[in-house]
Amino acid sequence: MRGEASTVGYHTKMRASDMSGGERIALPVSESSGFTKKKFLFISLIGLAMDFAWQVKKEGHDVKFYLKYSDDGIGSGFFQMVDNWEKHVKWADVIVFDDVEGQGTHAKKLRAKGKLVFGGTPYTDKLEDDRSFGQSEMKERGIPILSYQTFTDFDEGIEYVKNNPDAYVIKPSGPAQNYKDLLFVGQEEDGSDIVRMLETYKRVWAKKIKVFQLQKRVTGVEVGVGAFFNGKKFITPVNINFEHKRLFPGELGPTTGEMGTSMFWSSPNKLFNSTLKKFEEKLAEENYVGYIDLNCIVNNYGIYPLEFTARIGYPTIHIQLEGINVPTGEFIYNLAAGIDFDLKTKKGFQVGVILVAPPFPYENKRLFDITSKDTAVVFKKKTNGDGIHIGDLKLMDGEWILAGHMGIAAVVVGTGQTMKQAQTQAYSRIQNILIPNMFYRTDIGDRWAEDSDKLHNWGYLREG
């Protein structure tokens, strides 16, 4: 597919700004529902909410965006970037936080002052940041968890595996868990591969990995269940999603942050009611506002939750927006204001694919400058922009230009009544995009054929 794209002549190409409905064309704010133009302040660490904010801007709202770890102008040109978000708090009608690592503390303080905030709390930040805390909170609510041990010393972890031979998963905790390629799933039943990996981590990663878990490995279907929360209750339907983390098709290669996700919306089902639903009272006590997801392994014996994502996911939020039939600004505002509403969503499936360029999946500014700096995202034929969501980009002279130093260009989403239809639309849209050295997974959604049979047979998707 990439080879075909590279042979297209320049006369057939179009600039990103020429898309109907693109950045230069503001869509009208929906006043038929009584929702008028608002001011949104987005506060981001690494840009998870960049496209979230862009959708709001395209609807005609005022948007300001703060990016803590800014590099090479990510986001510039799409909306107003600010250097100090605290100076714009009074200006904003709604404030959106997109991450953990302390953002929950800011969000809680602003809510206490009467501001409308989409974001977490110190408690929900800890659910994601501290794997052991998240596991203990699940256990306290009667949710079965896999056996695990927490270590701060590699030698102790090595000794534990030797004395308790089994198949394990190495899971770094705290900031180190952001290095996705450090998560290692053991294959040897005696744990010998885990011992070898821990010995390597001790030599190479001891300064980065201060705390890690050894969790018993279990086989089954990996599935995520998530929902939005309005400070008082879960807003339904819930989201059932299937992440594809490995770099190459067939789940080969290094673990990345994400290469794509398939999903659908569902009424509360057994998977949701057995896990996230049990946190509703606690999240209401915290006045949590936003999205929360629980990644699980399920089999015919039970549900085994692995870890929380207590924030919007990437590229989860891009794909979810294609399935939500409510304007993004209105949707965010309703959640932050604590309004009780049924989320209108499309029936069927959504498939999202991340388009990347070197040095992805690694952060390497020198390699990025050599291979991808100032690379433009170009469309071969005129498009209205449906299903196209921005990644680490900046807008210069009407062109979408890769920025930062990771090479994350865009997320392309397809929808359909069947998973196959959603796949077909997503990959058809990708065929219209030109990015030098672009690569992506070609099998996002393929697992559904087998996984769906298992999930239905085990009863986890049954409503009620």
Protein backbone atom coordinates (compact mmCIF):
# COMPACT_ATOMS: atom_id res chain seq x y z
CA MET A 1 0.00 0.00 0.00
CA ARG A 2 2.83 2.40 0.78
CA GLY A 3 4.45 1.62 -2.54
CA GLU A 4 1.30 2.61 -4.42
CA ALA A 5 1.08 5.90 -2.56
CA SER A 6 4.67 6.86 -3.39
CA THR A 7 4.02 6.77 -7.17
CA VAL A 8 1.27 9.41 -7.17
CA GLY A 9 2.22 12.63 -8.96
CA TYR A 10 2.17 15.94 -7.10
CA HIS A 11 -0.58 17.38 -9.32
CA THR A 12 -3.08 14.98 -7.68
CA LYS A 13 -2.17 16.01 -4.14
CA MET A 14 -3.93 18.48 -1.89
CA ARG A 15 -2.98 20.46 1.18
CA ALA A 16 -4.46 19.50 4.53
CA SER A 17 -6.05 22.93 4.85
CA ASP A 18 -8.00 22.38 1.62
CA MET A 19 -10.15 19.70 3.24
CA SER A 20 -13.81 20.61 3.48
CA GLY A 21 -14.46 20.96 7.20
CA GLY A 22 -10.74 21.39 7.89
CA GLU A 23 -9.02 23.86 10.18
CA ARG A 24 -9.94 26.95 8.16
CA ILE A 25 -13.67 26.18 8.21
CA ALA A 26 -15.36 26.51 11.61
CA LEU A 27 -18.50 24.45 11.93
CA PRO A 28 -21.49 26.09 13.62
CA VAL A 29 -22.02 25.51 17.34
CA SER A 30 -25.17 23.47 17.93
CA GLU A 31 -27.68 25.96 19.28
CA SER A 32 -30.71 23.79 18.52
CA SER A 33 -30.00 21.92 21.74
CA GLY A 34 -29.50 25.18 23.63
CA PHE A 35 -25.71 24.77 23.63
CA THR A 36 -23.88 27.96 22.73
CA LYS A 37 -20.26 28.92 22.09
CA LYS A 38 -17.92 28.22 25.04
CA LYS A 39 -14.29 28.84 26.03
CA PHE A 40 -12.20 25.70 26.53
CA LEU A 41 -8.76 25.55 28.15
CA PHE A 42 -6.88 22.28 27.52
CA ILE A 43 -3.97 21.42 29.82
CA SER A 44 -1.76 18.63 28.51
CA LEU A 45 1.52 16.97 29.44
CA ILE A 46 2.47 15.32 26.14
CA GLY A 47 -0.44 16.17 23.83
CA LEU A 48 -2.94 13.36 24.42
CA ALA A 49 -5.80 15.85 24.00
CA MET A 50 -4.46 17.60 20.89
CA ASP A 51 -7.06 16.16 18.54
CA PHE A 52 -9.74 16.37 21.27
CA ALA A 53 -9.15 20.13 21.34
CA TRP A 54 -9.06 20.38 17.55
CA GLN A 55 -12.52 18.82 17.26
CA VAL A 56 -13.84 21.42 19.75
CA LYS A 57 -12.17 24.24 17.79
CA LYS A 58 -13.71 23.05 14.51
CA GLU A 59 -17.16 23.27 16.12
CA GLY A 60 -16.66 27.01 16.56
CA HIS A 61 -15.68 27.23 20.22
CA ASP A 62 -12.74 29.26 21.56
CA VAL A 63 -9.81 27.01 22.45
CA LYS A 64 -6.51 27.63 24.24
CA PHE A 65 -4.00 24.80 24.65
CA TYR A 66 -1.15 24.39 27.12
CA LEU A 67 1.49 21.72 26.41
CA LYS A 68 3.95 21.13 29.24
CA TYR A 69 6.50 19.11 27.30
CA SER A 70 6.40 21.13 24.10
CA ASP A 71 8.85 20.33 21.34
CA ASP A 72 9.21 21.84 17.86
CA GLY A 73 5.86 23.59 17.96
CA ILE A 74 3.44 20.66 18.35
CA GLY A 75 -0.09 22.06 18.03
CA SER A 76 0.92 25.50 16.80
CA GLY A 77 -1.36 26.81 14.09
CA PHE A 78 -4.30 24.60 15.00
CA PHE A 79 -5.33 26.78 17.95
CA GLN A 80 -3.84 29.30 20.38
CA MET A 81 -0.99 27.78 22.38
CA VAL A 82 -0.27 29.29 25.83
CA ASP A 83 2.83 29.15 28.00
CA ASN A 84 1.15 29.45 31.40
CA TRP A 85 -2.26 27.80 31.76
CA GLU A 86 -2.95 29.29 35.21
CA LYS A 87 -3.19 32.78 33.68
CA HIS A 88 -6.16 31.62 31.57
CA VAL A 89 -8.25 29.84 34.22
CA LYS A 90 -10.61 32.80 34.72
CA TRP A 91 -11.06 33.08 30.94
CA ALA A 92 -12.20 29.46 30.56
CA ASP A 93 -15.76 28.14 30.81
CA VAL A 94 -14.43 24.56 30.86
CA ILE A 95 -10.96 23.27 31.75
CA VAL A 96 -9.76 19.92 30.40
CA PHE A 97 -6.88 17.87 31.83
CA ASP A 98 -5.75 14.88 29.73
CA ASP A 99 -3.29 12.95 31.89
CA VAL A 100 -2.29 11.80 35.38
CA GLU A 101 1.09 12.52 37.05
CA GLY A 102 -0.27 15.30 39.25
CA GLN A 103 -2.95 16.70 36.95
CA GLY A 104 -5.61 15.24 39.22
CA THR A 105 -4.45 17.48 42.06
CA HIS A 106 -4.89 20.60 39.92
CA ALA A 107 -8.28 19.42 38.66
CA LYS A 108 -9.58 18.78 42.18
CA LYS A 109 -8.50 22.22 43.40
CA LEU A 110 -10.16 23.98 40.48
CA ARG A 111 -13.41 22.07 40.97
CA ALA A 112 -13.37 23.11 44.62
CA LYS A 113 -13.24 26.72 43.42
CA GLY A 114 -16.36 26.22 41.30
CA LYS A 115 -14.75 25.72 37.89
CA LEU A 116 -16.14 23.20 35.42
CA VAL A 117 -13.35 20.65 34.99
CA PHE A 118 -12.92 17.52 32.90
CA GLY A 119 -10.15 15.66 34.71
CA GLY A 120 -9.08 13.39 37.54
CA THR A 121 -8.27 13.53 41.23
CA PRO A 122 -5.22 12.47 43.26
CA TYR A 123 -7.02 9.17 43.92
CA THR A 124 -7.66 8.38 40.24
CA ASP A 125 -4.12 9.47 39.31
CA LYS A 126 -2.83 6.92 41.82
CA LEU A 127 -5.06 4.18 40.39
CA GLU A 128 -3.05 4.43 37.16
CA ASP A 129 0.37 5.50 38.44
CA ASP A 130 0.66 2.94 41.24
CA ARG A 131 -0.13 -0.53 39.91
CA SER A 132 -0.13 -2.11 43.38
CA PHE A 133 -2.58 0.50 44.67
CA GLY A 134 -4.90 -0.14 41.73
CA GLN A 135 -4.81 -3.86 42.38
CA SER A 136 -5.51 -3.42 46.09
CA GLU A 137 -8.48 -1.15 45.35
CA MET A 138 -9.94 -3.80 43.05
CA LYS A 139 -9.41 -6.51 45.63
CA GLU A 140 -11.15 -4.38 48.29
CA ARG A 141 -14.25 -4.27 46.08
CA GLY A 142 -14.37 -8.00 45.58
CA ILE A 143 -12.88 -8.04 42.08
CA PRO A 144 -10.63 -11.11 41.57
CA ILE A 145 -7.03 -10.13 40.76
CA LEU A 146 -4.01 -12.07 39.59
CA SER A 147 -1.32 -12.94 42.10
CA TYR A 148 1.50 -10.40 42.06
CA GLN A 149 4.53 -9.25 44.04
CA THR A 150 6.03 -5.76 44.17
CA PHE A 151 9.79 -5.25 44.28
CA THR A 152 12.23 -2.37 44.64
CA ASP A 153 15.30 -4.58 44.19
CA PHE A 154 16.11 -6.66 41.10
CA ASP A 155 18.04 -9.30 43.05
CA GLU A 156 15.02 -9.91 45.26
CA GLY A 157 12.82 -10.29 42.20
CA ILE A 158 15.26 -12.76 40.61
CA GLU A 159 15.42 -14.80 43.79
CA TYR A 160 11.62 -14.84 44.06
CA VAL A 161 11.22 -16.29 40.56
CA LYS A 162 13.88 -18.94 41.18
CA ASN A 163 12.09 -20.01 44.37
CA ASN A 164 8.62 -19.82 42.77
CA PRO A 165 9.05 -20.97 39.15
CA ASP A 166 6.12 -19.95 36.95
CA ALA A 167 5.24 -17.79 33.94
CA TYR A 168 5.26 -14.10 34.91
CA VAL A 169 4.87 -10.62 33.46
CA ILE A 170 7.32 -7.82 34.38
CA LYS A 171 5.45 -4.54 34.90
CA PRO A 172 7.43 -1.41 35.82
CA SER A 173 5.53 0.98 38.09
CA GLY A 174 5.53 4.76 38.45
CA PRO A 175 7.06 6.90 35.67
CA ALA A 176 8.91 3.87 34.25
CA GLN A 177 5.63 2.33 33.11
CA ASN A 178 5.52 4.99 30.36
CA TYR A 179 8.38 3.08 28.70
CA LYS A 180 6.04 0.54 27.11
CA ASP A 181 8.83 -1.62 25.70
CA LEU A 182 9.94 -2.44 29.26
CA LEU A 183 6.78 -4.44 29.95
CA PHE A 184 7.80 -8.04 29.32
CA VAL A 185 5.49 -11.05 29.04
CA GLY A 186 7.31 -14.23 29.94
CA GLN A 187 6.80 -17.39 27.86
CA GLU A 188 8.75 -19.97 29.84
CA GLU A 189 6.73 -21.92 32.40
CA ASP A 190 9.70 -22.05 34.79
CA GLY A 191 10.27 -18.27 34.62
CA SER A 192 13.79 -18.64 33.22
CA ASP A 193 13.22 -15.93 30.60
CA ILE A 194 11.99 -13.59 33.36
CA VAL A 195 15.20 -14.19 35.31
CA ARG A 196 17.32 -13.36 32.26
CA MET A 197 15.29 -10.21 31.58
CA LEU A 198 15.52 -9.01 35.19
CA GLU A 199 19.27 -9.48 35.10
CA THR A 200 19.37 -7.30 31.96
CA TYR A 201 17.13 -4.65 33.51
CA LYS A 202 19.39 -4.57 36.56
CA ARG A 203 22.38 -3.71 34.37
CA VAL A 204 20.67 -1.30 31.99
CA TRP A 205 17.53 0.15 33.56
CA ALA A 206 18.18 0.25 37.31
CA LYS A 207 18.17 4.08 37.34
CA LYS A 208 14.79 4.24 35.57
CA ILE A 209 12.92 1.33 37.16
CA LYS A 210 12.62 1.97 40.88
CA VAL A 211 9.56 -0.22 41.46
CA PHE A 212 8.23 -3.15 39.47
CA GLN A 213 5.65 -5.91 39.71
CA LEU A 214 5.91 -9.57 38.90
CA GLN A 215 2.41 -10.69 38.00
CA LYS A 216 1.43 -14.24 37.15
CA ARG A 217 0.71 -14.61 33.46
CA VAL A 218 -2.72 -15.80 32.41
CA THR A 219 -3.91 -16.61 28.90
CA GLY A 220 -7.20 -15.53 27.35
CA VAL A 221 -8.70 -12.57 25.50
CA GLU A 222 -7.26 -9.14 26.27
CA VAL A 223 -10.11 -6.63 26.35
CA GLY A 224 -10.67 -3.17 27.79
CA VAL A 225 -13.90 -1.89 29.30
CA GLY A 226 -14.37 1.82 29.89
CA ALA A 227 -16.95 4.53 30.38
CA PHE A 228 -17.28 8.26 30.89
CA PHE A 229 -18.10 9.62 34.36
CA ASN A 230 -19.87 12.91 35.07
CA GLY A 231 -18.81 13.37 38.69
CA LYS A 232 -21.84 11.47 39.95
CA LYS A 233 -22.34 8.36 37.84
CA PHE A 234 -21.24 6.46 34.77
CA ILE A 235 -22.70 7.72 31.51
CA THR A 236 -23.77 4.84 29.30
CA PRO A 237 -23.30 3.10 26.93
CA VAL A 238 -19.93 1.66 27.90
CA ASN A 239 -16.98 1.15 25.58
CA ILE A 240 -15.51 -2.28 24.80
CA ASN A 241 -12.09 -2.03 23.15
CA PHE A 242 -9.24 -4.16 21.89
CA GLU A 243 -5.76 -2.61 21.83
CA HIS A 244 -2.97 -3.60 19.47
CA LYS A 245 0.28 -2.64 21.21
CA ARG A 246 2.96 -4.48 19.23
CA LEU A 247 4.72 -2.69 16.40
CA PHE A 248 4.16 -5.28 13.68
CA PRO A 249 1.12 -7.24 12.44
CA GLY A 250 0.54 -10.54 14.18
CA GLU A 251 1.57 -9.05 17.54
CA LEU A 252 5.27 -9.15 16.71
CA GLY A 253 8.03 -6.72 17.58
CA PRO A 254 8.48 -4.29 20.47
CA THR A 255 5.59 -3.07 22.58
CA THR A 256 4.60 0.48 21.65
CA GLY A 257 2.24 2.88 23.37
CA GLU A 258 -0.35 1.79 20.79
CA MET A 259 -0.62 0.99 17.08
CA GLY A 260 -4.40 0.90 16.81
CA THR A 261 -7.61 -0.12 18.52
CA SER A 262 -10.95 -1.64 17.56
CA MET A 263 -14.06 -1.00 19.64
CA PHE A 264 -17.82 -0.88 19.99
CA TRP A 265 -20.36 0.63 22.37
CA SER A 266 -22.55 -1.54 24.58
CA SER A 267 -25.22 -1.32 27.24
CA PRO A 268 -23.77 -2.25 30.66
CA ASN A 269 -22.79 -5.90 30.43
CA LYS A 270 -21.24 -8.58 32.62
CA LEU A 271 -17.71 -7.34 31.92
CA PHE A 272 -18.58 -3.80 33.04
CA ASN A 273 -20.82 -4.76 35.96
CA SER A 274 -18.17 -7.14 37.36
CA THR A 275 -15.41 -4.53 37.30
CA LEU A 276 -15.77 -0.77 36.73
CA LYS A 277 -19.34 -0.57 38.02
CA LYS A 278 -18.05 -1.47 41.47
CA PHE A 279 -16.07 1.80 41.50
CA GLU A 280 -19.07 4.05 40.81
CA GLU A 281 -19.64 5.01 44.45
CA LYS A 282 -15.96 5.81 45.01
CA LEU A 283 -15.64 7.84 41.79
CA ALA A 284 -18.74 9.82 42.79
CA GLU A 285 -17.20 10.49 46.19
CA GLU A 286 -14.10 11.77 44.35
CA ASN A 287 -16.22 13.83 41.91
CA TYR A 288 -14.21 12.34 39.07
CA VAL A 289 -15.01 13.68 35.60
CA GLY A 290 -13.70 12.03 32.47
CA TYR A 291 -13.03 8.62 31.00
CA ILE A 292 -11.79 5.59 32.92
CA ASP A 293 -10.81 2.24 31.43
CA LEU A 294 -9.81 -1.12 32.88
CA ASN A 295 -7.70 -3.48 30.78
CA CYS A 296 -8.45 -7.15 31.48
CA ILE A 297 -7.61 -10.69 30.51
CA VAL A 298 -10.71 -12.87 30.41
CA ASN A 299 -11.16 -16.60 29.87
CA ASN A 300 -13.73 -19.25 30.71
CA TYR A 301 -12.59 -19.19 34.35
CA GLY A 302 -13.10 -15.48 35.02
CA ILE A 303 -12.15 -11.83 34.56
CA TYR A 304 -8.64 -10.76 35.56
CA PRO A 305 -8.20 -6.94 35.58
CA LEU A 306 -4.68 -5.75 34.78
CA GLU A 307 -4.47 -1.95 35.03
CA PHE A 308 -6.43 1.29 34.97
CA THR A 309 -6.28 4.15 32.52
CA ALA A 310 -7.82 7.01 34.50
CA ARG A 311 -7.83 9.60 31.68
CA ILE A 312 -8.58 9.77 27.98
CA GLY A 313 -6.72 7.08 26.04
CA TYR A 314 -4.56 7.49 22.94
CA PRO A 315 -5.79 6.69 20.30
CA THR A 316 -8.94 5.61 22.16
CA ILE A 317 -10.41 9.12 22.30
CA HIS A 318 -9.87 9.69 18.56
CA ILE A 319 -11.76 6.51 17.74
CA GLN A 320 -14.49 7.12 20.32
CA LEU A 321 -15.27 10.52 18.82
CA GLU A 322 -16.12 8.81 15.51
CA GLY A 323 -18.71 6.71 17.36
CA ILE A 324 -20.23 9.48 19.51
CA ASN A 325 -23.19 11.32 17.95
CA VAL A 326 -22.92 14.38 20.19
CA PRO A 327 -20.82 17.49 19.36
CA THR A 328 -17.51 17.19 21.21
CA GLY A 329 -17.74 20.55 23.01
CA GLU A 330 -21.26 19.86 24.23
CA PHE A 331 -20.26 16.36 25.33
CA ILE A 332 -17.30 17.67 27.38
CA TYR A 333 -19.38 20.46 28.91
CA ASN A 334 -22.19 18.09 29.95
CA LEU A 335 -19.75 15.80 31.73
CA ALA A 336 -17.97 18.66 33.53
CA ALA A 337 -21.31 20.19 34.56
CA GLY A 338 -22.53 16.91 36.04
CA ILE A 339 -25.45 16.64 33.64
CA ASP A 340 -27.15 13.24 33.51
CA PHE A 341 -27.59 12.20 29.88
CA ASP A 342 -27.52 9.12 27.68
CA LEU A 343 -24.54 9.20 25.36
CA LYS A 344 -25.77 8.89 21.77
CA THR A 345 -23.46 6.52 19.92
CA LYS A 346 -23.34 4.74 16.59
CA LYS A 347 -24.27 1.09 16.36
CA GLY A 348 -21.62 -1.22 15.01
CA PHE A 349 -17.85 -0.92 15.25
CA GLN A 350 -14.99 1.55 15.00
CA VAL A 351 -11.41 0.76 13.96
CA GLY A 352 -8.55 3.22 14.42
CA VAL A 353 -5.05 2.94 12.96
CA ILE A 354 -2.06 5.09 13.96
CA LEU A 355 0.10 6.37 11.10
CA VAL A 356 3.71 6.82 12.13
CA ALA A 357 7.14 7.60 10.71
CA PRO A 358 10.70 7.12 12.05
CA PRO A 359 11.93 7.13 14.77
CA PHE A 360 8.68 5.68 16.17
CA PRO A 361 8.31 3.82 18.51
CA TYR A 362 11.33 5.49 20.07
CA GLU A 363 11.95 9.08 21.12
CA ASN A 364 15.05 10.24 19.30
CA LYS A 365 15.29 13.87 18.24
CA ARG A 366 18.45 13.38 16.19
CA LEU A 367 16.93 10.53 14.17
CA PHE A 368 13.64 12.42 13.81
CA ASP A 369 15.48 15.46 12.43
CA ILE A 370 17.23 13.23 9.87
CA THR A 371 14.22 11.19 8.73
CA SER A 372 10.96 13.03 9.45
CA LYS A 373 11.50 16.69 10.37
CA ASP A 374 9.27 19.06 8.33
CA THR A 375 7.54 16.10 6.66
CA ALA A 376 4.08 17.03 5.40
CA VAL A 377 0.86 15.03 5.57
CA VAL A 378 -0.63 15.18 2.08
CA PHE A 379 -3.98 13.97 0.73
CA LYS A 380 -4.07 12.56 -2.81
CA LYS A 381 -7.71 13.40 -3.44
CA LYS A 382 -10.07 15.99 -2.01
CA THR A 383 -11.58 14.83 1.28
CA ASN A 384 -13.92 16.25 3.89
CA GLY A 385 -11.58 15.01 6.61
CA ASP A 386 -13.96 12.40 8.04
CA GLY A 387 -12.11 9.89 10.18
CA ILE A 388 -8.79 11.81 10.10
CA HIS A 389 -7.41 12.87 13.50
CA ILE A 390 -4.21 14.80 14.10
CA GLY A 391 -1.17 13.45 15.93
CA ASP A 392 2.07 15.30 16.76
CA LEU A 393 1.61 17.97 14.11
CA LYS A 394 1.83 21.69 13.59
CA LEU A 395 0.02 23.78 10.98
CA MET A 396 2.33 25.87 8.77
CA ASP A 397 1.11 27.75 5.67
CA GLY A 398 -1.90 25.45 5.47
CA GLU A 399 0.23 22.29 5.65
CA TRP A 400 0.14 19.59 8.33
CA ILE A 401 3.80 19.17 9.37
CA LEU A 402 5.24 16.46 11.63
CA ALA A 403 6.56 17.95 14.86
CA GLY A 404 8.09 16.72 18.09
CA HIS A 405 10.52 13.83 17.87
CA MET A 406 8.52 10.58 17.78
CA GLY A 407 6.91 10.57 14.33
CA ILE A 408 3.24 10.14 15.36
CA ALA A 409 1.40 11.65 12.40
CA ALA A 410 -2.30 10.84 12.56
CA VAL A 411 -5.01 8.42 13.60
CA VAL A 412 -7.32 7.21 10.84
CA VAL A 413 -10.70 5.79 11.86
CA GLY A 414 -13.33 3.77 10.05
CA THR A 415 -16.84 2.86 11.18
CA GLY A 416 -19.28 0.19 10.06
CA GLN A 417 -22.08 -2.15 11.02
CA THR A 418 -19.53 -4.97 11.09
CA MET A 419 -15.88 -5.01 12.14
CA LYS A 420 -14.92 -5.83 8.55
CA GLN A 421 -16.78 -2.78 7.23
CA ALA A 422 -15.05 -0.54 9.79
CA GLN A 423 -11.65 -2.00 8.81
CA THR A 424 -12.33 -1.51 5.13
CA GLN A 425 -13.26 2.14 5.59
CA ALA A 426 -10.24 2.89 7.79
CA TYR A 427 -7.72 1.35 5.40
CA SER A 428 -9.44 2.91 2.40
CA ARG A 429 -8.97 6.33 4.01
CA ILE A 430 -5.30 5.56 4.65
CA GLN A 431 -4.82 4.93 0.92
CA ASN A 432 -5.57 8.62 0.36
CA ILE A 433 -2.75 9.81 2.63
CA LEU A 434 0.88 10.44 1.67
CA ILE A 435 3.59 10.66 4.34
CA PRO A 436 7.22 9.87 3.47
CA ASN A 437 8.44 6.73 5.28
CA MET A 438 4.96 6.15 6.73
CA PHE A 439 4.18 2.78 8.28
CA TYR A 440 1.28 1.26 10.22
CA ARG A 441 -0.32 -2.00 11.31
CA THR A 442 -2.41 -3.67 8.61
CA ASP A 443 -4.36 -6.01 10.88
CA ILE A 444 -6.19 -3.79 13.38
CA GLY A 445 -9.47 -5.52 14.15
CA ASP A 446 -8.50 -8.97 12.82
CA ARG A 447 -8.62 -10.55 16.28
CA TRP A 448 -12.35 -9.84 16.57
CA ALA A 449 -13.37 -12.89 14.52
CA GLU A 450 -11.96 -15.24 17.17
CA ASP A 451 -12.30 -13.03 20.25
CA SER A 452 -15.99 -12.32 19.69
CA ASP A 453 -16.91 -16.00 19.72
CA LYS A 454 -15.08 -16.51 23.00
CA LEU A 455 -16.49 -13.42 24.70
CA HIS A 456 -20.03 -14.28 23.69
CA ASN A 457 -19.68 -17.94 24.67
CA TRP A 458 -18.29 -16.96 28.07
CA GLY A 459 -21.16 -14.51 28.57
CA TYR A 460 -19.09 -11.38 29.17
CA LEU A 461 -20.91 -9.27 26.56
CA ARG A 462 -24.37 -10.22 27.82
CA GLU A 463 -26.32 -7.15 28.87
CA GLY A 464 -27.67 -6.65 32.39
